[in-house]
Amino acid sequence: MLTRKPIQISFLVNKDGSMAGKNHISDLDSHLGYWLRIVSNAVSQEFARKLEREGVTVAEWVFLRML
């Protein structure tokens, strides 16, 4: 019968038990993707507000645009 020895190696822990790669995690607002998402949300919300003033929803605008 074949048996397998348990493996004690982990990709996340060094042999001495310390965590590998103790890098500082930067703040969220230091990432370009975070700011692009903030701008995208602001533009989308303003667009929806302008459409609402005209009595049209975003879904209706998308449908009309496709026609």
PDB file of N, CA and C in Angstrom:
ATOM      1  N   MET A   1       0.843  -1.176   0.000  1.00  0.00           N
ATOM      2  CA  MET A   1       0.000   0.000   0.000  1.00  0.00           C
ATOM      3  C   MET A   1       0.892   1.243   0.000  1.00  0.00           C
ATOM      4  N   LEU A   2       0.504   2.227  -0.836  1.00  0.00           N
ATOM      5  CA  LEU A   2       1.247   3.476  -0.908  1.00  0.00           C
ATOM      6  C   LEU A   2       0.729   4.448   0.135  1.00  0.00           C
ATOM      7  N   THR A   3       1.637   5.104   0.789  1.00  0.00           N
ATOM      8  CA  THR A   3       1.255   6.146   1.748  1.00  0.00           C
ATOM      9  C   THR A   3       2.006   7.414   1.388  1.00  0.00           C
ATOM     10  N   ARG A   4       1.465   8.507   1.764  1.00  0.00           N
ATOM     11  CA  ARG A   4       2.072   9.794   1.463  1.00  0.00           C
ATOM     12  C   ARG A   4       2.406  10.498   2.770  1.00  0.00           C
ATOM     13  N   LYS A   5       3.624  11.026   2.843  1.00  0.00           N
ATOM     14  CA  LYS A   5       4.031  11.787   4.018  1.00  0.00           C
ATOM     15  C   LYS A   5       3.367  13.162   3.978  1.00  0.00           C
ATOM     16  N   PRO A   6       2.939  13.685   5.114  1.00  0.00           N
ATOM     17  CA  PRO A   6       2.395  15.053   5.119  1.00  0.00           C
ATOM     18  C   PRO A   6       3.504  16.057   4.803  1.00  0.00           C
ATOM     19  N   ILE A   7       3.169  17.028   4.006  1.00  0.00           N
ATOM     20  CA  ILE A   7       4.133  18.059   3.619  1.00  0.00           C
ATOM     21  C   ILE A   7       3.978  19.249   4.553  1.00  0.00           C
ATOM     22  N   GLN A   8       5.083  19.702   5.102  1.00  0.00           N
ATOM     23  CA  GLN A   8       5.073  20.801   6.068  1.00  0.00           C
ATOM     24  C   GLN A   8       5.489  22.127   5.453  1.00  0.00           C
ATOM     25  N   ILE A   9       5.573  22.212   4.138  1.00  0.00           N
ATOM     26  CA  ILE A   9       6.020  23.436   3.471  1.00  0.00           C
ATOM     27  C   ILE A   9       4.801  24.283   3.107  1.00  0.00           C
ATOM     28  N   SER A  10       4.870  25.541   3.387  1.00  0.00           N
ATOM     29  CA  SER A  10       3.817  26.474   3.021  1.00  0.00           C
ATOM     30  C   SER A  10       4.422  27.603   2.202  1.00  0.00           C
ATOM     31  N   PHE A  11       3.690  28.083   1.235  1.00  0.00           N
ATOM     32  CA  PHE A  11       4.160  29.201   0.437  1.00  0.00           C
ATOM     33  C   PHE A  11       4.079  30.519   1.199  1.00  0.00           C
ATOM     34  N   LEU A  12       3.297  30.547   2.260  1.00  0.00           N
ATOM     35  CA  LEU A  12       3.076  31.791   2.983  1.00  0.00           C
ATOM     36  C   LEU A  12       3.950  31.937   4.216  1.00  0.00           C
ATOM     37  N   VAL A  13       4.551  30.852   4.681  1.00  0.00           N
ATOM     38  CA  VAL A  13       5.319  30.899   5.921  1.00  0.00           C
ATOM     39  C   VAL A  13       6.725  30.400   5.654  1.00  0.00           C
ATOM     40  N   ASN A  14       7.723  31.126   6.146  1.00  0.00           N
ATOM     41  CA  ASN A  14       9.107  30.695   6.031  1.00  0.00           C
ATOM     42  C   ASN A  14       9.369  29.524   6.960  1.00  0.00           C
ATOM     43  N   LYS A  15      10.500  28.884   6.805  1.00  0.00           N
ATOM     44  CA  LYS A  15      10.845  27.742   7.648  1.00  0.00           C
ATOM     45  C   LYS A  15      10.920  28.115   9.119  1.00  0.00           C
ATOM     46  N   ASP A  16      11.278  29.366   9.413  1.00  0.00           N
ATOM     47  CA  ASP A  16      11.369  29.791  10.812  1.00  0.00           C
ATOM     48  C   ASP A  16      10.005  30.170  11.390  1.00  0.00           C
ATOM     49  N   GLY A  17       8.939  30.054  10.582  1.00  0.00           N
ATOM     50  CA  GLY A  17       7.589  30.335  11.074  1.00  0.00           C
ATOM     51  C   GLY A  17       7.130  31.760  10.865  1.00  0.00           C
ATOM     52  N   SER A  18       8.025  32.631  10.386  1.00  0.00           N
ATOM     53  CA  SER A  18       7.622  34.015  10.174  1.00  0.00           C
ATOM     54  C   SER A  18       6.879  34.153   8.849  1.00  0.00           C
ATOM     55  N   MET A  19       6.074  35.170   8.735  1.00  0.00           N
ATOM     56  CA  MET A  19       5.327  35.413   7.507  1.00  0.00           C
ATOM     57  C   MET A  19       6.271  35.872   6.412  1.00  0.00           C
ATOM     58  N   ALA A  20       6.084  35.341   5.207  1.00  0.00           N
ATOM     59  CA  ALA A  20       6.927  35.721   4.078  1.00  0.00           C
ATOM     60  C   ALA A  20       6.469  37.055   3.517  1.00  0.00           C
ATOM     61  N   GLY A  21       7.398  37.901   3.154  1.00  0.00           N
ATOM     62  CA  GLY A  21       7.070  39.155   2.482  1.00  0.00           C
ATOM     63  C   GLY A  21       6.288  40.120   3.352  1.00  0.00           C
ATOM     64  N   LYS A  22       6.828  40.533   4.448  1.00  0.00           N
ATOM     65  CA  LYS A  22       6.134  41.477   5.330  1.00  0.00           C
ATOM     66  C   LYS A  22       6.196  42.875   4.740  1.00  0.00           C
ATOM     67  N   ASN A  23       5.558  43.063   3.615  1.00  0.00           N
ATOM     68  CA  ASN A  23       5.551  44.366   2.947  1.00  0.00           C
ATOM     69  C   ASN A  23       4.447  45.236   3.529  1.00  0.00           C
ATOM     70  N   HIS A  24       4.700  46.523   3.537  1.00  0.00           N
ATOM     71  CA  HIS A  24       3.688  47.476   3.996  1.00  0.00           C
ATOM     72  C   HIS A  24       2.563  47.545   2.961  1.00  0.00           C
ATOM     73  N   ILE A  25       1.344  47.452   3.396  1.00  0.00           N
ATOM     74  CA  ILE A  25       0.193  47.582   2.500  1.00  0.00           C
ATOM     75  C   ILE A  25      -0.157  49.060   2.439  1.00  0.00           C
ATOM     76  N   SER A  26      -0.148  49.611   1.223  1.00  0.00           N
ATOM     77  CA  SER A  26      -0.382  51.043   1.067  1.00  0.00           C
ATOM     78  C   SER A  26      -1.849  51.392   1.290  1.00  0.00           C
ATOM     79  N   ASP A  27      -2.084  52.654   1.565  1.00  0.00           N
ATOM     80  CA  ASP A  27      -3.442  53.143   1.776  1.00  0.00           C
ATOM     81  C   ASP A  27      -4.235  53.043   0.480  1.00  0.00           C
ATOM     82  N   LEU A  28      -5.537  52.848   0.620  1.00  0.00           N
ATOM     83  CA  LEU A  28      -6.404  52.690  -0.535  1.00  0.00           C
ATOM     84  C   LEU A  28      -6.355  53.902  -1.455  1.00  0.00           C
ATOM     85  N   ASP A  29      -6.348  55.096  -0.877  1.00  0.00           N
ATOM     86  CA  ASP A  29      -6.401  56.301  -1.703  1.00  0.00           C
ATOM     87  C   ASP A  29      -5.074  56.635  -2.388  1.00  0.00           C
ATOM     88  N   SER A  30      -4.080  55.784  -2.253  1.00  0.00           N
ATOM     89  CA  SER A  30      -2.835  56.000  -2.983  1.00  0.00           C
ATOM     90  C   SER A  30      -2.804  55.208  -4.289  1.00  0.00           C
ATOM     91  N   HIS A  31      -3.891  54.520  -4.605  1.00  0.00           N
ATOM     92  CA  HIS A  31      -3.959  53.718  -5.825  1.00  0.00           C
ATOM     93  C   HIS A  31      -4.751  54.428  -6.915  1.00  0.00           C
ATOM     94  N   LEU A  32      -4.224  54.424  -8.123  1.00  0.00           N
ATOM     95  CA  LEU A  32      -4.879  55.070  -9.257  1.00  0.00           C
ATOM     96  C   LEU A  32      -6.268  54.476  -9.498  1.00  0.00           C
ATOM     97  N   GLY A  33      -6.399  53.170  -9.395  1.00  0.00           N
ATOM     98  CA  GLY A  33      -7.689  52.521  -9.619  1.00  0.00           C
ATOM     99  C   GLY A  33      -8.777  53.039  -8.689  1.00  0.00           C
ATOM    100  N   TYR A  34      -8.414  53.323  -7.458  1.00  0.00           N
ATOM    101  CA  TYR A  34      -9.366  53.875  -6.494  1.00  0.00           C
ATOM    102  C   TYR A  34      -9.903  55.215  -6.984  1.00  0.00           C
ATOM    103  N   TRP A  35      -9.007  56.099  -7.416  1.00  0.00           N
ATOM    104  CA  TRP A  35      -9.427  57.431  -7.876  1.00  0.00           C
ATOM    105  C   TRP A  35     -10.201  57.357  -9.186  1.00  0.00           C
ATOM    106  N   LEU A  36      -9.812  56.443 -10.070  1.00  0.00           N
ATOM    107  CA  LEU A  36     -10.576  56.280 -11.311  1.00  0.00           C
ATOM    108  C   LEU A  36     -12.001  55.829 -11.012  1.00  0.00           C
ATOM    109  N   ARG A  37     -12.166  54.962 -10.011  1.00  0.00           N
ATOM    110  CA  ARG A  37     -13.499  54.508  -9.626  1.00  0.00           C
ATOM    111  C   ARG A  37     -14.320  55.652  -9.034  1.00  0.00           C
ATOM    112  N   ILE A  38     -13.684  56.494  -8.236  1.00  0.00           N
ATOM    113  CA  ILE A  38     -14.376  57.655  -7.646  1.00  0.00           C
ATOM    114  C   ILE A  38     -14.868  58.586  -8.754  1.00  0.00           C
ATOM    115  N   VAL A  39     -13.998  58.872  -9.724  1.00  0.00           N
ATOM    116  CA  VAL A  39     -14.377  59.751 -10.839  1.00  0.00           C
ATOM    117  C   VAL A  39     -15.478  59.106 -11.665  1.00  0.00           C
ATOM    118  N   SER A  40     -15.360  57.818 -11.952  1.00  0.00           N
ATOM    119  CA  SER A  40     -16.368  57.106 -12.731  1.00  0.00           C
ATOM    120  C   SER A  40     -17.730  57.162 -12.045  1.00  0.00           C
ATOM    121  N   ASN A  41     -17.751  56.950 -10.742  1.00  0.00           N
ATOM    122  CA  ASN A  41     -19.017  57.014  -9.996  1.00  0.00           C
ATOM    123  C   ASN A  41     -19.620  58.415 -10.049  1.00  0.00           C
ATOM    124  N   ALA A  42     -18.793  59.438  -9.907  1.00  0.00           N
ATOM    125  CA  ALA A  42     -19.281  60.822  -9.941  1.00  0.00           C
ATOM    126  C   ALA A  42     -19.869  61.158 -11.309  1.00  0.00           C
ATOM    127  N   VAL A  43     -19.187  60.762 -12.373  1.00  0.00           N
ATOM    128  CA  VAL A  43     -19.672  61.034 -13.731  1.00  0.00           C
ATOM    129  C   VAL A  43     -20.984  60.297 -13.975  1.00  0.00           C
ATOM    130  N   SER A  44     -21.045  59.035 -13.572  1.00  0.00           N
ATOM    131  CA  SER A  44     -22.268  58.242 -13.773  1.00  0.00           C
ATOM    132  C   SER A  44     -23.450  58.837 -13.017  1.00  0.00           C
ATOM    133  N   GLN A  45     -23.217  59.256 -11.790  1.00  0.00           N
ATOM    134  CA  GLN A  45     -24.298  59.843 -10.991  1.00  0.00           C
ATOM    135  C   GLN A  45     -24.777  61.163 -11.586  1.00  0.00           C
ATOM    136  N   GLU A  46     -23.861  61.986 -12.047  1.00  0.00           N
ATOM    137  CA  GLU A  46     -24.251  63.260 -12.658  1.00  0.00           C
ATOM    138  C   GLU A  46     -25.033  63.029 -13.945  1.00  0.00           C
ATOM    139  N   PHE A  47     -24.603  62.069 -14.740  1.00  0.00           N
ATOM    140  CA  PHE A  47     -25.309  61.721 -15.971  1.00  0.00           C
ATOM    141  C   PHE A  47     -26.741  61.262 -15.656  1.00  0.00           C
ATOM    142  N   ALA A  48     -26.878  60.412 -14.651  1.00  0.00           N
ATOM    143  CA  ALA A  48     -28.212  59.930 -14.259  1.00  0.00           C
ATOM    144  C   ALA A  48     -29.089  61.085 -13.778  1.00  0.00           C
ATOM    145  N   ARG A  49     -28.500  62.040 -13.038  1.00  0.00           N
ATOM    146  CA  ARG A  49     -29.266  63.205 -12.570  1.00  0.00           C
ATOM    147  C   ARG A  49     -29.755  64.059 -13.740  1.00  0.00           C
ATOM    148  N   LYS A  50     -28.887  64.264 -14.733  1.00  0.00           N
ATOM    149  CA  LYS A  50     -29.275  65.070 -15.895  1.00  0.00           C
ATOM    150  C   LYS A  50     -30.383  64.382 -16.685  1.00  0.00           C
ATOM    151  N   LEU A  51     -30.291  63.078 -16.838  1.00  0.00           N
ATOM    152  CA  LEU A  51     -31.353  62.349 -17.523  1.00  0.00           C
ATOM    153  C   LEU A  51     -32.662  62.422 -16.746  1.00  0.00           C
ATOM    154  N   GLU A  52     -32.572  62.315 -15.433  1.00  0.00           N
ATOM    155  CA  GLU A  52     -33.764  62.355 -14.589  1.00  0.00           C
ATOM    156  C   GLU A  52     -34.498  63.687 -14.733  1.00  0.00           C
ATOM    157  N   ARG A  53     -33.735  64.777 -14.858  1.00  0.00           N
ATOM    158  CA  ARG A  53     -34.351  66.092 -15.059  1.00  0.00           C
ATOM    159  C   ARG A  53     -35.154  66.140 -16.354  1.00  0.00           C
ATOM    160  N   GLU A  54     -34.736  65.323 -17.327  1.00  0.00           N
ATOM    161  CA  GLU A  54     -35.451  65.251 -18.615  1.00  0.00           C
ATOM    162  C   GLU A  54     -36.542  64.187 -18.604  1.00  0.00           C
ATOM    163  N   GLY A  55     -36.695  63.499 -17.482  1.00  0.00           N
ATOM    164  CA  GLY A  55     -37.742  62.482 -17.365  1.00  0.00           C
ATOM    165  C   GLY A  55     -37.381  61.151 -18.015  1.00  0.00           C
ATOM    166  N   VAL A  56     -36.075  60.858 -18.114  1.00  0.00           N
ATOM    167  CA  VAL A  56     -35.606  59.619 -18.744  1.00  0.00           C
ATOM    168  C   VAL A  56     -34.707  58.881 -17.760  1.00  0.00           C
ATOM    169  N   THR A  57     -34.845  57.562 -17.701  1.00  0.00           N
ATOM    170  CA  THR A  57     -33.943  56.767 -16.871  1.00  0.00           C
ATOM    171  C   THR A  57     -32.723  56.370 -17.695  1.00  0.00           C
ATOM    172  N   VAL A  58     -31.692  55.918 -17.029  1.00  0.00           N
ATOM    173  CA  VAL A  58     -30.483  55.469 -17.725  1.00  0.00           C
ATOM    174  C   VAL A  58     -30.818  54.282 -18.623  1.00  0.00           C
ATOM    175  N   ALA A  59     -31.636  53.358 -18.135  1.00  0.00           N
ATOM    176  CA  ALA A  59     -32.026  52.190 -18.929  1.00  0.00           C
ATOM    177  C   ALA A  59     -32.776  52.617 -20.194  1.00  0.00           C
ATOM    178  N   GLU A  60     -33.660  53.589 -20.060  1.00  0.00           N
ATOM    179  CA  GLU A  60     -34.388  54.088 -21.228  1.00  0.00           C
ATOM    180  C   GLU A  60     -33.426  54.753 -22.219  1.00  0.00           C
ATOM    181  N   TRP A  61     -32.474  55.523 -21.707  1.00  0.00           N
ATOM    182  CA  TRP A  61     -31.499  56.190 -22.559  1.00  0.00           C
ATOM    183  C   TRP A  61     -30.667  55.169 -23.332  1.00  0.00           C
ATOM    184  N   VAL A  62     -30.246  54.101 -22.651  1.00  0.00           N
ATOM    185  CA  VAL A  62     -29.456  53.048 -23.302  1.00  0.00           C
ATOM    186  C   VAL A  62     -30.280  52.387 -24.414  1.00  0.00           C
ATOM    187  N   PHE A  63     -31.553  52.109 -24.121  1.00  0.00           N
ATOM    188  CA  PHE A  63     -32.426  51.484 -25.120  1.00  0.00           C
ATOM    189  C   PHE A  63     -32.604  52.387 -26.331  1.00  0.00           C
ATOM    190  N   LEU A  64     -32.879  53.664 -26.092  1.00  0.00           N
ATOM    191  CA  LEU A  64     -33.070  54.610 -27.190  1.00  0.00           C
ATOM    192  C   LEU A  64     -31.790  54.766 -28.014  1.00  0.00           C
ATOM    193  N   ARG A  65     -30.666  54.761 -27.338  1.00  0.00           N
ATOM    194  CA  ARG A  65     -29.387  54.876 -28.038  1.00  0.00           C
ATOM    195  C   ARG A  65     -29.146  53.680 -28.939  1.00  0.00           C
ATOM    196  N   MET A  66     -29.557  52.504 -28.505  1.00  0.00           N
ATOM    197  CA  MET A  66     -29.365  51.302 -29.319  1.00  0.00           C
ATOM    198  C   MET A  66     -30.257  51.304 -30.550  1.00  0.00           C
ATOM    199  N   LEU A  67     -31.413  51.958 -30.434  1.00  0.00           N
ATOM    200  CA  LEU A  67     -32.311  52.035 -31.606  1.00  0.00           C
ATOM    201  C   LEU A  67     -31.686  52.891 -32.675  1.00  0.00           C
TER     202      LEU A  67
END
